[in-house]
């Protein structure tokens, strides 16, 4: 990856799905359920808590400090968009 994509917009779409938009215009909805493993992600299994994410440092984060690398989110979003094409 030649650049560092950043999340510019994020919207909860029910359950563990979030619609993401990136600085280069890529957009798509991804399911985060596969990442909800381990102590830092345990609180996110509560849907109400999961929905409390916010954009910080170019990615989405939660009040307990959990986050995912923007490159990871970008790659998953890009792969999801390719499957729809």
N, C-alpha and C. Protein backbone atom coordinates (compact mmCIF):
# COMPACT_ATOMS: atom_id res chain seq x y z
N UNK A 1 0.85 -1.16 0.00
CA UNK A 1 0.00 0.00 0.00
C UNK A 1 0.90 1.24 0.00
N UNK A 2 0.68 2.11 -0.98
CA UNK A 2 1.54 3.27 -1.15
C UNK A 2 1.14 4.47 -0.29
N UNK A 3 -0.03 4.43 0.28
CA UNK A 3 -0.49 5.54 1.10
C UNK A 3 -1.21 4.98 2.32
N UNK A 4 -1.39 5.82 3.31
CA UNK A 4 -2.10 5.40 4.50
C UNK A 4 -3.54 5.90 4.40
N UNK A 5 -4.48 4.99 4.14
CA UNK A 5 -5.88 5.41 4.06
C UNK A 5 -6.38 5.79 5.44
N UNK A 6 -7.27 6.75 5.49
CA UNK A 6 -7.86 7.13 6.76
C UNK A 6 -9.38 7.10 6.64
N UNK A 7 -10.02 6.75 7.73
CA UNK A 7 -11.47 6.75 7.78
C UNK A 7 -11.93 8.19 7.94
N UNK A 8 -12.84 8.63 7.08
CA UNK A 8 -13.36 9.99 7.16
C UNK A 8 -14.81 10.03 7.64
N UNK A 9 -15.49 8.88 7.54
CA UNK A 9 -16.89 8.80 7.98
C UNK A 9 -17.19 7.37 8.35
N UNK A 10 -18.00 7.19 9.39
CA UNK A 10 -18.39 5.85 9.83
C UNK A 10 -19.83 5.90 10.36
N UNK A 11 -20.63 4.93 9.94
CA UNK A 11 -22.04 4.89 10.34
C UNK A 11 -22.43 3.46 10.72
N UNK A 12 -23.01 3.30 11.88
CA UNK A 12 -23.45 1.98 12.35
C UNK A 12 -24.61 1.51 11.47
N UNK A 13 -24.54 0.26 11.02
CA UNK A 13 -25.57 -0.30 10.15
C UNK A 13 -26.24 -1.53 10.77
N UNK A 14 -26.27 -1.60 12.08
CA UNK A 14 -26.92 -2.71 12.77
C UNK A 14 -25.94 -3.82 13.08
N UNK A 15 -26.26 -4.55 14.17
CA UNK A 15 -25.39 -5.62 14.64
C UNK A 15 -23.95 -5.11 14.73
N UNK A 16 -23.01 -5.80 14.08
CA UNK A 16 -21.59 -5.42 14.12
C UNK A 16 -21.14 -4.84 12.79
N UNK A 17 -22.08 -4.32 12.00
CA UNK A 17 -21.75 -3.76 10.69
C UNK A 17 -21.57 -2.25 10.77
N UNK A 18 -20.56 -1.78 10.06
CA UNK A 18 -20.28 -0.34 9.99
C UNK A 18 -20.01 0.02 8.54
N UNK A 19 -20.65 1.09 8.10
CA UNK A 19 -20.37 1.63 6.76
C UNK A 19 -19.23 2.63 6.92
N UNK A 20 -18.15 2.41 6.18
CA UNK A 20 -16.95 3.25 6.27
C UNK A 20 -16.72 3.99 4.97
N UNK A 21 -16.24 5.22 5.09
CA UNK A 21 -15.77 5.99 3.94
C UNK A 21 -14.34 6.40 4.24
N UNK A 22 -13.49 6.31 3.21
CA UNK A 22 -12.07 6.59 3.36
C UNK A 22 -11.65 7.84 2.60
N UNK A 23 -10.48 8.32 2.92
CA UNK A 23 -9.96 9.57 2.36
C UNK A 23 -9.81 9.55 0.85
N UNK A 24 -9.73 8.37 0.23
CA UNK A 24 -9.60 8.30 -1.23
C UNK A 24 -10.95 8.05 -1.92
N UNK A 25 -12.04 8.03 -1.14
CA UNK A 25 -13.37 7.84 -1.72
C UNK A 25 -13.90 6.43 -1.63
N UNK A 26 -13.07 5.46 -1.29
CA UNK A 26 -13.55 4.09 -1.12
C UNK A 26 -14.59 4.07 0.00
N UNK A 27 -15.67 3.33 -0.23
CA UNK A 27 -16.71 3.22 0.79
C UNK A 27 -17.31 1.82 0.73
N UNK A 28 -17.77 1.36 1.88
CA UNK A 28 -18.43 0.07 1.94
C UNK A 28 -18.77 -0.28 3.37
N UNK A 29 -19.61 -1.29 3.50
CA UNK A 29 -20.04 -1.76 4.81
C UNK A 29 -19.35 -3.08 5.12
N UNK A 30 -18.76 -3.15 6.31
CA UNK A 30 -18.08 -4.38 6.72
C UNK A 30 -18.61 -4.84 8.07
N UNK A 31 -18.48 -6.13 8.31
CA UNK A 31 -18.92 -6.75 9.55
C UNK A 31 -17.70 -6.95 10.45
N UNK A 32 -17.76 -6.44 11.65
CA UNK A 32 -16.65 -6.48 12.59
C UNK A 32 -16.67 -7.71 13.49
N UNK A 33 -17.69 -8.53 13.39
CA UNK A 33 -17.84 -9.63 14.34
C UNK A 33 -16.62 -10.54 14.41
N UNK A 34 -15.94 -10.76 13.30
CA UNK A 34 -14.77 -11.65 13.29
C UNK A 34 -13.61 -11.10 14.12
N UNK A 35 -13.61 -9.82 14.42
CA UNK A 35 -12.52 -9.21 15.18
C UNK A 35 -12.82 -9.11 16.68
N UNK A 36 -14.00 -9.50 17.10
CA UNK A 36 -14.39 -9.32 18.50
C UNK A 36 -13.90 -10.46 19.38
N UNK A 37 -12.61 -10.63 19.41
CA UNK A 37 -11.98 -11.69 20.18
C UNK A 37 -10.88 -11.08 21.04
N UNK A 38 -10.78 -11.51 22.26
CA UNK A 38 -9.74 -11.01 23.16
C UNK A 38 -10.31 -10.00 24.14
N UNK A 39 -9.58 -9.76 25.22
CA UNK A 39 -10.08 -8.92 26.31
C UNK A 39 -10.47 -7.50 25.91
N UNK A 40 -9.70 -6.85 25.05
CA UNK A 40 -10.00 -5.45 24.72
C UNK A 40 -11.27 -5.35 23.87
N UNK A 41 -11.59 -6.41 23.13
CA UNK A 41 -12.77 -6.39 22.28
C UNK A 41 -14.01 -6.98 22.95
N UNK A 42 -13.87 -7.59 24.12
CA UNK A 42 -15.00 -8.21 24.81
C UNK A 42 -16.17 -7.25 25.03
N UNK A 43 -15.93 -6.01 25.50
CA UNK A 43 -17.07 -5.09 25.71
C UNK A 43 -17.83 -4.78 24.42
N UNK A 44 -17.18 -4.90 23.27
CA UNK A 44 -17.81 -4.57 21.99
C UNK A 44 -18.85 -5.60 21.57
N UNK A 45 -18.87 -6.74 22.23
CA UNK A 45 -19.88 -7.75 21.91
C UNK A 45 -21.28 -7.28 22.30
N UNK A 46 -21.36 -6.31 23.20
CA UNK A 46 -22.63 -5.66 23.52
C UNK A 46 -22.90 -4.66 22.39
N UNK A 47 -23.98 -4.88 21.64
CA UNK A 47 -24.27 -4.05 20.46
C UNK A 47 -24.35 -2.57 20.81
N UNK A 48 -24.96 -2.24 21.95
CA UNK A 48 -25.07 -0.83 22.33
C UNK A 48 -23.69 -0.21 22.53
N UNK A 49 -22.78 -0.97 23.14
CA UNK A 49 -21.42 -0.47 23.34
C UNK A 49 -20.68 -0.40 22.00
N UNK A 50 -20.86 -1.42 21.18
CA UNK A 50 -20.22 -1.43 19.86
C UNK A 50 -20.57 -0.16 19.08
N UNK A 51 -21.84 0.23 19.15
CA UNK A 51 -22.32 1.39 18.40
C UNK A 51 -21.76 2.72 18.89
N UNK A 52 -21.00 2.72 19.97
CA UNK A 52 -20.44 3.95 20.53
C UNK A 52 -19.09 4.33 19.91
N UNK A 53 -18.73 3.73 18.77
CA UNK A 53 -17.44 4.04 18.15
C UNK A 53 -17.39 5.50 17.68
N UNK A 54 -16.18 5.95 17.47
CA UNK A 54 -15.93 7.31 16.97
C UNK A 54 -14.67 7.27 16.13
N UNK A 55 -14.47 8.29 15.33
CA UNK A 55 -13.26 8.37 14.49
C UNK A 55 -12.16 9.05 15.29
N UNK A 56 -10.99 8.40 15.30
CA UNK A 56 -9.83 8.93 16.01
C UNK A 56 -8.57 8.41 15.33
N UNK A 57 -7.67 9.29 15.00
CA UNK A 57 -6.40 8.87 14.40
C UNK A 57 -6.57 8.18 13.05
N UNK A 58 -7.61 8.54 12.32
CA UNK A 58 -7.80 7.98 10.99
C UNK A 58 -8.46 6.61 10.97
N UNK A 59 -8.96 6.16 12.11
CA UNK A 59 -9.64 4.88 12.19
C UNK A 59 -10.82 5.02 13.13
N UNK A 60 -11.53 3.92 13.37
CA UNK A 60 -12.58 4.00 14.37
C UNK A 60 -12.08 3.36 15.66
N UNK A 61 -12.55 3.93 16.77
CA UNK A 61 -12.12 3.49 18.09
C UNK A 61 -13.33 3.48 19.02
N UNK A 62 -13.14 2.86 20.18
CA UNK A 62 -14.19 2.76 21.18
C UNK A 62 -13.71 3.36 22.49
N UNK A 63 -14.65 3.69 23.38
CA UNK A 63 -14.27 4.34 24.65
C UNK A 63 -13.27 3.55 25.50
N UNK A 64 -13.21 2.23 25.35
CA UNK A 64 -12.28 1.44 26.15
C UNK A 64 -10.88 1.37 25.54
N UNK A 65 -10.65 2.07 24.42
CA UNK A 65 -9.33 2.09 23.79
C UNK A 65 -9.18 1.10 22.65
N UNK A 66 -10.17 0.26 22.41
CA UNK A 66 -10.10 -0.69 21.30
C UNK A 66 -10.14 0.06 19.97
N UNK A 67 -9.37 -0.43 19.02
CA UNK A 67 -9.41 0.09 17.66
C UNK A 67 -8.82 -0.94 16.71
N UNK A 68 -8.94 -0.67 15.44
CA UNK A 68 -8.34 -1.52 14.40
C UNK A 68 -7.56 -0.62 13.47
N UNK A 69 -6.46 -1.13 12.94
CA UNK A 69 -5.63 -0.34 12.04
C UNK A 69 -6.44 0.08 10.81
N UNK A 70 -6.29 1.33 10.38
CA UNK A 70 -7.05 1.77 9.21
C UNK A 70 -6.73 0.96 7.95
N UNK A 71 -5.49 0.46 7.85
CA UNK A 71 -5.13 -0.35 6.68
C UNK A 71 -5.95 -1.65 6.65
N UNK A 72 -6.17 -2.22 7.83
CA UNK A 72 -6.96 -3.44 7.94
C UNK A 72 -8.39 -3.18 7.50
N UNK A 73 -8.97 -2.09 7.98
CA UNK A 73 -10.33 -1.74 7.60
C UNK A 73 -10.42 -1.44 6.11
N UNK A 74 -9.42 -0.77 5.59
CA UNK A 74 -9.40 -0.42 4.17
C UNK A 74 -9.35 -1.69 3.30
N UNK A 75 -8.47 -2.60 3.65
CA UNK A 75 -8.34 -3.83 2.87
C UNK A 75 -9.62 -4.64 2.90
N UNK A 76 -10.26 -4.74 4.07
CA UNK A 76 -11.52 -5.49 4.17
C UNK A 76 -12.62 -4.81 3.36
N UNK A 77 -12.67 -3.47 3.42
CA UNK A 77 -13.68 -2.73 2.67
C UNK A 77 -13.46 -2.90 1.16
N UNK A 78 -12.22 -2.85 0.75
CA UNK A 78 -11.90 -3.01 -0.67
C UNK A 78 -12.27 -4.41 -1.15
N UNK A 79 -11.98 -5.42 -0.35
CA UNK A 79 -12.33 -6.79 -0.71
C UNK A 79 -13.84 -6.97 -0.78
N UNK A 80 -14.57 -6.37 0.14
CA UNK A 80 -16.03 -6.46 0.14
C UNK A 80 -16.60 -5.79 -1.10
N UNK A 81 -16.05 -4.65 -1.47
CA UNK A 81 -16.52 -3.93 -2.66
C UNK A 81 -16.26 -4.75 -3.92
N UNK A 82 -15.13 -5.44 -3.96
CA UNK A 82 -14.78 -6.26 -5.14
C UNK A 82 -15.74 -7.43 -5.28
N UNK A 83 -16.20 -7.99 -4.16
CA UNK A 83 -17.15 -9.11 -4.21
C UNK A 83 -18.50 -8.68 -4.74
N UNK A 84 -18.86 -7.41 -4.53
CA UNK A 84 -20.13 -6.90 -5.01
C UNK A 84 -20.10 -6.54 -6.48
N UNK A 85 -18.91 -6.32 -7.01
CA UNK A 85 -18.76 -5.90 -8.41
C UNK A 85 -18.97 -7.04 -9.38
